[in-house]
């Protein structure tokens, strides 16, 4: 059997898909697995098993229609038996249907764009399948299940990076354990105030550790440099590629981050994490296990899963002392 996964974005979601990908790769009747990803997030697929064939599409580029048509022709030439659409948006469902293969995706209760379900065989999730990893595993199991309905929930499985990336260098830090602080987070509602970051960095220094702040764009870089002006903290001078980022995270004592791709990558590498949550929910997408601790603001209005908010209180409710307590528990 020849299988295509479609999950176009984003960083953290692609990491969450790894257990579903592993499930399919382990099947004896699957000979070939392909993956379609948005060009902007193709860097994440460098951590995928090497046997997976990667296809890229630039739907946010200058010529999205031409890019879509080109990749459709490319995918149709592969003659897939099954397509597993883990995005379940209109754009992904159209690309999936254009392959001519049978497509499996989410049900109407789980998608943001309900027309996406019209072109797919729907998956109906068990009430206990709350985490996205469970949902992705269930959709990926659908081609081999007799029914769309689950009698028993599929278990959460920790995403895991199975192969070693080529070791790369990154800046050297003082000869002491370091904790990575990640400013990443594509939602405005995931941004921690600067003074909270400063308090966390000060607490890390008081423990005899060294804080290392990583960032993902120019705005985050400027914010990191502003924070570092007031506390003992190293700021990466450049954005790391995925191999360098993996090297940094694997050697770190821990990572402190919001719900973002760097958090889920660190967890998949086995690095302990402390994550803070407000607009998004740890029960839905947090890394589970004894190495991972959550600090949750739990506002009355949350989790709302909104990217922007006119009454934004979530991150103001996150306490630096609570983050530092979690780090102390890891010591």
Protein backbone atom coordinates (compact mmCIF):
# COMPACT_ATOMS: atom_id res chain seq x y z
CA UNK A 1 0.00 0.00 0.00
CA UNK A 2 1.13 3.52 -0.82
CA UNK A 3 0.03 6.21 1.66
CA UNK A 4 0.08 10.01 1.57
CA UNK A 5 -0.21 12.16 4.69
CA UNK A 6 -1.32 15.76 4.31
CA UNK A 7 -0.46 18.09 7.15
CA UNK A 8 0.67 21.40 5.75
CA UNK A 9 1.49 23.24 8.97
CA UNK A 10 2.52 24.22 11.58
CA UNK A 11 5.71 23.45 13.52
CA UNK A 12 4.15 21.99 16.66
CA UNK A 13 1.33 20.24 14.82
CA UNK A 14 3.83 18.41 12.62
CA UNK A 15 5.64 17.13 15.71
CA UNK A 16 2.29 15.97 17.12
CA UNK A 17 1.78 13.89 13.96
CA UNK A 18 4.87 11.72 14.54
CA UNK A 19 3.07 8.93 16.48
CA UNK A 20 0.45 8.64 13.71
CA UNK A 21 3.24 8.48 11.14
CA UNK A 22 5.05 5.81 13.18
CA UNK A 23 1.82 3.77 13.38
CA UNK A 24 1.47 3.67 9.59
CA UNK A 25 5.17 3.02 8.95
CA UNK A 26 4.95 -0.01 11.25
CA UNK A 27 2.21 -1.69 9.18
CA UNK A 28 3.36 -4.68 7.15
CA UNK A 29 1.06 -3.86 4.23
CA UNK A 30 2.46 -0.32 3.80
CA UNK A 31 5.34 -0.17 1.36
CA UNK A 32 5.70 3.57 0.87
CA UNK A 33 4.75 6.68 2.86
CA UNK A 34 4.74 10.26 1.51
CA UNK A 35 4.04 13.60 3.20
CA UNK A 36 2.76 16.90 1.79
CA UNK A 37 3.85 19.99 3.74
CA UNK A 38 3.67 23.75 3.29
CA UNK A 39 7.01 25.03 2.00
CA UNK A 40 7.33 27.37 5.01
CA UNK A 41 7.35 24.42 7.42
CA UNK A 42 9.31 21.93 5.34
CA UNK A 43 12.27 22.37 7.72
CA UNK A 44 10.36 20.41 10.36
CA UNK A 45 10.27 17.29 8.18
CA UNK A 46 14.05 16.96 8.61
CA UNK A 47 13.21 15.18 11.89
CA UNK A 48 10.86 12.71 10.16
CA UNK A 49 12.00 9.12 9.53
CA UNK A 50 14.30 9.11 6.53
CA UNK A 51 12.10 6.67 4.59
CA UNK A 52 9.29 9.24 4.27
CA UNK A 53 9.12 11.00 0.88
CA UNK A 54 8.48 14.74 1.30
CA UNK A 55 6.46 16.90 -1.12
CA UNK A 56 6.32 20.68 -0.70
CA UNK A 57 3.76 23.25 -1.80
CA UNK A 58 3.99 27.06 -1.57
CA UNK A 59 0.35 28.01 -0.96
CA UNK A 60 1.44 31.28 0.66
CA UNK A 61 3.88 32.16 -2.12
CA UNK A 62 3.49 34.56 -5.04
CA UNK A 63 1.71 32.03 -7.26
CA UNK A 64 -0.36 29.76 -4.98
CA UNK A 65 -2.67 28.44 -7.73
CA UNK A 66 0.25 27.49 -9.94
CA UNK A 67 1.98 25.89 -6.96
CA UNK A 68 -1.14 23.89 -6.09
CA UNK A 69 -1.59 22.70 -9.67
CA UNK A 70 2.06 21.64 -9.88
CA UNK A 71 1.90 19.59 -6.70
CA UNK A 72 -1.43 18.03 -7.71
CA UNK A 73 0.17 16.74 -10.90
CA UNK A 74 3.12 15.48 -8.89
CA UNK A 75 0.88 13.66 -6.40
CA UNK A 76 -1.42 12.14 -9.04
CA UNK A 77 1.61 10.64 -10.71
CA UNK A 78 2.34 8.69 -7.49
CA UNK A 79 -0.98 6.73 -7.61
CA UNK A 80 -1.63 6.62 -3.87
CA UNK A 81 -3.96 4.02 -2.38
CA UNK A 82 -4.87 6.13 0.65
CA UNK A 83 -4.61 9.79 1.69
CA UNK A 84 -4.71 10.72 5.39
CA UNK A 85 -5.64 14.39 5.77
CA UNK A 86 -4.58 15.53 9.23
CA UNK A 87 -5.22 19.18 8.35
CA UNK A 88 -8.88 18.88 7.33
CA UNK A 89 -9.19 22.38 5.95
CA UNK A 90 -10.74 23.21 2.58
CA UNK A 91 -7.32 23.62 0.95
CA UNK A 92 -5.98 20.31 2.26
CA UNK A 93 -9.19 18.43 1.42
CA UNK A 94 -9.11 19.71 -2.16
CA UNK A 95 -5.47 18.69 -2.57
CA UNK A 96 -6.28 15.29 -1.07
CA UNK A 97 -9.30 14.71 -3.32
CA UNK A 98 -7.29 15.73 -6.39
CA UNK A 99 -5.00 12.74 -5.93
CA UNK A 100 -7.85 10.41 -6.87
CA UNK A 101 -7.25 8.21 -3.82
CA UNK A 102 -9.62 7.46 -0.95
CA UNK A 103 -9.28 10.20 1.68
CA UNK A 104 -9.71 10.00 5.45
CA UNK A 105 -10.10 13.06 7.67
CA UNK A 106 -11.86 14.62 10.64
CA UNK A 107 -15.57 14.82 11.29
CA UNK A 108 -17.56 18.07 11.14
CA UNK A 109 -17.33 18.66 14.89
CA UNK A 110 -13.55 18.83 14.78
CA UNK A 111 -12.81 20.99 11.75
CA UNK A 112 -12.68 24.76 11.43
CA UNK A 113 -13.91 24.62 7.83
CA UNK A 114 -16.82 22.16 7.60
CA UNK A 115 -16.83 21.86 3.77
CA UNK A 116 -13.52 20.01 4.18
CA UNK A 117 -15.50 16.98 5.36
CA UNK A 118 -17.52 16.71 2.14
CA UNK A 119 -14.67 15.08 0.21
CA UNK A 120 -13.46 12.70 2.92
CA UNK A 121 -14.42 9.66 4.94
CA UNK A 122 -15.03 11.12 8.37
CA UNK A 123 -13.49 9.99 11.64
CA UNK A 124 -15.72 10.05 14.73
CA UNK A 125 -13.63 10.35 17.86
CA UNK A 126 -14.13 8.70 21.23
CA UNK A 127 -15.04 11.11 24.04
CA UNK A 128 -11.73 10.29 25.75
CA UNK A 129 -9.69 11.18 22.69
CA UNK A 130 -9.10 14.79 23.70
CA UNK A 131 -5.44 15.21 22.84
CA UNK A 132 -4.46 16.02 19.24
CA UNK A 133 -1.97 13.14 19.23
CA UNK A 134 -4.83 10.72 19.94
CA UNK A 135 -6.95 12.28 17.19
CA UNK A 136 -4.14 12.13 14.62
CA UNK A 137 -3.49 8.47 15.50
CA UNK A 138 -7.19 7.68 15.10
CA UNK A 139 -7.45 9.29 11.64
CA UNK A 140 -4.30 7.47 10.56
CA UNK A 141 -5.81 4.15 11.70
CA UNK A 142 -9.05 4.67 9.76
CA UNK A 143 -8.03 2.90 6.50
CA UNK A 144 -7.64 -0.30 8.52
CA UNK A 145 -10.75 0.01 10.72
CA UNK A 146 -14.15 -1.46 9.80
CA UNK A 147 -16.08 1.40 11.42
CA UNK A 148 -15.75 5.18 11.67
CA UNK A 149 -16.73 4.99 15.33
CA UNK A 150 -14.26 4.08 18.06
CA UNK A 151 -15.35 1.66 20.79
CA UNK A 152 -12.17 2.36 22.76
CA UNK A 153 -9.95 5.48 22.73
CA UNK A 154 -6.54 5.32 21.14
CA UNK A 155 -3.84 6.04 23.71
CA UNK A 156 -1.68 9.12 23.83
CA UNK A 157 1.80 8.31 22.59
CA UNK A 158 4.75 10.63 23.13
CA UNK A 159 6.13 12.01 19.85
CA UNK A 160 9.68 10.79 19.44
CA UNK A 161 12.54 11.74 17.11
CA UNK A 162 13.81 8.32 16.04
CA UNK A 163 16.93 9.14 14.05
CA UNK A 164 19.99 11.20 14.81
CA UNK A 165 20.33 14.47 12.98
CA UNK A 166 23.77 15.54 11.85
CA UNK A 167 25.45 17.29 14.76
CA UNK A 168 25.88 20.99 14.23
CA UNK A 169 27.51 23.70 16.28
CA UNK A 170 25.91 26.55 18.18
CA UNK A 171 27.35 29.33 20.38
CA UNK A 172 29.14 28.24 23.55
CA UNK A 173 27.79 29.31 26.93
CA UNK A 174 29.26 29.54 30.44
CA UNK A 175 30.39 26.22 31.91
CA UNK A 176 27.16 25.56 33.82
CA UNK A 177 23.82 23.88 33.08
CA UNK A 178 21.67 25.93 30.76
CA UNK A 179 17.93 26.36 30.46
CA UNK A 180 16.50 27.38 27.09
CA UNK A 181 13.82 30.07 27.14
CA UNK A 182 11.79 30.13 23.94
CA UNK A 183 10.02 33.31 22.84
CA UNK A 184 8.28 31.46 20.01
CA UNK A 185 4.51 31.55 19.69
CA UNK A 186 2.55 32.54 16.62
CA UNK A 187 -0.46 33.73 18.65
CA UNK A 188 -0.57 37.08 20.41
CA UNK A 189 -2.39 35.28 23.24
CA UNK A 190 0.67 33.10 23.94
CA UNK A 191 3.12 35.96 24.58
CA UNK A 192 4.50 36.20 28.12
CA UNK A 193 5.18 39.76 29.41
CA UNK A 194 8.83 40.88 29.39
CA UNK A 195 8.94 41.41 33.16
CA UNK A 196 7.83 37.81 33.74
CA UNK A 197 10.60 36.55 31.44
CA UNK A 198 13.07 38.73 33.34
CA UNK A 199 11.97 37.28 36.68
CA UNK A 200 12.35 33.74 35.31
CA UNK A 201 15.85 34.53 33.99
CA UNK A 202 16.86 36.05 37.35
CA UNK A 203 15.62 32.97 39.19
CA UNK A 204 17.54 30.68 36.84
CA UNK A 205 20.74 32.64 37.46
CA UNK A 206 20.21 32.46 41.24
CA UNK A 207 20.10 28.65 40.95
CA UNK A 208 23.54 28.67 39.32
CA UNK A 209 22.19 27.88 35.87
CA UNK A 210 22.44 29.93 32.70
CA UNK A 211 19.49 31.13 30.64
CA UNK A 212 19.64 30.93 26.85
CA UNK A 213 16.90 32.70 24.92
CA UNK A 214 15.97 31.47 21.43
CA UNK A 215 13.66 33.22 19.00
CA UNK A 216 12.03 32.69 15.61
CA UNK A 217 11.70 36.07 13.89
CA UNK A 218 13.01 39.65 13.99
CA UNK A 219 10.31 40.85 16.38
CA UNK A 220 11.10 38.08 18.86
CA UNK A 221 14.83 38.77 18.48
CA UNK A 222 14.30 42.43 19.40
CA UNK A 223 12.19 41.40 22.41
CA UNK A 224 14.86 38.93 23.54
CA UNK A 225 17.60 41.57 23.37
CA UNK A 226 15.43 43.97 25.38
CA UNK A 227 14.89 41.35 28.09
CA UNK A 228 18.62 40.51 28.19
CA UNK A 229 19.54 44.15 28.87
CA UNK A 230 18.16 43.75 32.40
CA UNK A 231 19.15 40.21 33.42
CA UNK A 232 22.03 37.72 33.01
CA UNK A 233 20.96 35.94 29.86
CA UNK A 234 22.39 34.82 26.53
CA UNK A 235 20.44 35.54 23.36
CA UNK A 236 21.13 33.50 20.25
CA UNK A 237 22.58 35.80 17.61
CA UNK A 238 20.84 34.02 14.77
CA UNK A 239 17.88 31.78 14.18
CA UNK A 240 19.03 28.17 14.35
CA UNK A 241 18.25 25.58 11.70
CA UNK A 242 16.41 22.49 12.88
CA UNK A 243 19.56 20.37 13.38
CA UNK A 244 21.26 23.08 15.46
CA UNK A 245 18.09 23.63 17.46
CA UNK A 246 17.89 19.91 18.20
CA UNK A 247 21.52 19.93 19.38
CA UNK A 248 20.83 22.90 21.65
CA UNK A 249 17.69 21.38 23.16
CA UNK A 250 19.13 17.90 23.67
CA UNK A 251 22.00 19.33 25.75
CA UNK A 252 19.83 21.70 27.78
CA UNK A 253 18.79 21.04 31.37
CA UNK A 254 15.25 22.10 30.47
CA UNK A 255 13.13 24.27 28.22
CA UNK A 256 10.66 26.96 29.28
CA UNK A 257 8.14 27.84 26.58
CA UNK A 258 4.54 28.41 25.66
CA UNK A 259 2.51 26.06 23.45
CA UNK A 260 4.71 26.23 20.37
CA UNK A 261 6.80 24.13 18.01
CA UNK A 262 10.00 24.43 20.03
CA UNK A 263 8.20 23.05 23.09
CA UNK A 264 6.96 19.98 21.24
CA UNK A 265 10.32 19.43 19.54
CA UNK A 266 12.10 19.53 22.90
CA UNK A 267 9.67 17.00 24.36
CA UNK A 268 10.16 14.72 21.34
CA UNK A 269 13.92 14.87 21.98
CA UNK A 270 13.46 13.84 25.62
CA UNK A 271 14.30 17.25 27.12
CA UNK A 272 12.37 18.18 30.30
CA UNK A 273 9.97 21.10 29.77
CA UNK A 274 8.02 23.68 31.73
CA UNK A 275 5.24 25.18 29.64
CA UNK A 276 2.65 27.86 30.39
CA UNK A 277 -0.92 27.84 29.13
CA UNK A 278 -3.82 30.24 28.83
CA UNK A 279 -5.65 30.59 25.52
CA UNK A 280 -4.64 27.06 24.51
CA UNK A 281 -5.02 23.94 26.66
CA UNK A 282 -2.46 21.49 27.99
CA UNK A 283 -5.01 18.65 27.86
CA UNK A 284 -5.35 19.21 24.12
CA UNK A 285 -1.76 19.64 22.97
CA UNK A 286 0.66 19.60 25.90
CA UNK A 287 3.54 17.10 26.10
CA UNK A 288 2.50 14.47 28.63
CA UNK A 289 4.76 12.50 30.95
CA UNK A 290 6.80 12.91 34.12
CA UNK A 291 9.41 15.12 32.40
CA UNK A 292 6.87 17.79 31.54
CA UNK A 293 5.16 20.27 33.85
CA UNK A 294 2.44 22.83 33.13
CA UNK A 295 1.75 26.27 34.56
CA UNK A 296 -1.82 27.23 33.73
CA UNK A 297 -3.53 30.57 34.18
CA UNK A 298 -7.00 28.99 33.90
CA UNK A 299 -8.96 32.21 33.32
CA UNK A 300 -12.75 32.07 33.51
CA UNK A 301 -12.93 32.75 29.76
CA UNK A 302 -10.41 30.09 28.77
CA UNK A 303 -9.20 28.13 27.11
CA UNK A 304 -10.66 30.09 24.20
CA UNK A 305 -8.15 29.03 21.49
CA UNK A 306 -8.19 32.58 20.12
CA UNK A 307 -5.11 34.04 18.47
CA UNK A 308 -6.03 37.58 19.55
CA UNK A 309 -8.15 38.89 22.40
CA UNK A 310 -9.59 42.28 23.37
CA UNK A 311 -9.53 41.29 27.05
CA UNK A 312 -6.16 39.53 27.15
CA UNK A 313 -5.40 38.42 30.71
CA UNK A 314 -4.04 34.86 30.26
CA UNK A 315 -0.31 35.53 30.29
CA UNK A 316 -0.51 38.29 32.94
CA UNK A 317 -1.80 35.57 35.27
CA UNK A 318 1.26 33.36 34.75
CA UNK A 319 3.57 33.66 37.78
CA UNK A 320 7.37 33.48 37.39
CA UNK A 321 7.66 31.85 40.83
CA UNK A 322 5.49 28.97 39.64
CA UNK A 323 7.70 28.40 36.60
CA UNK A 324 10.79 28.47 38.83
CA UNK A 325 9.17 26.02 41.26
CA UNK A 326 8.64 23.59 38.39
CA UNK A 327 12.28 23.96 37.38
CA UNK A 328 13.39 23.32 40.96
CA UNK A 329 11.38 20.10 41.01
CA UNK A 330 13.48 18.91 38.07
CA UNK A 331 16.76 19.53 39.90
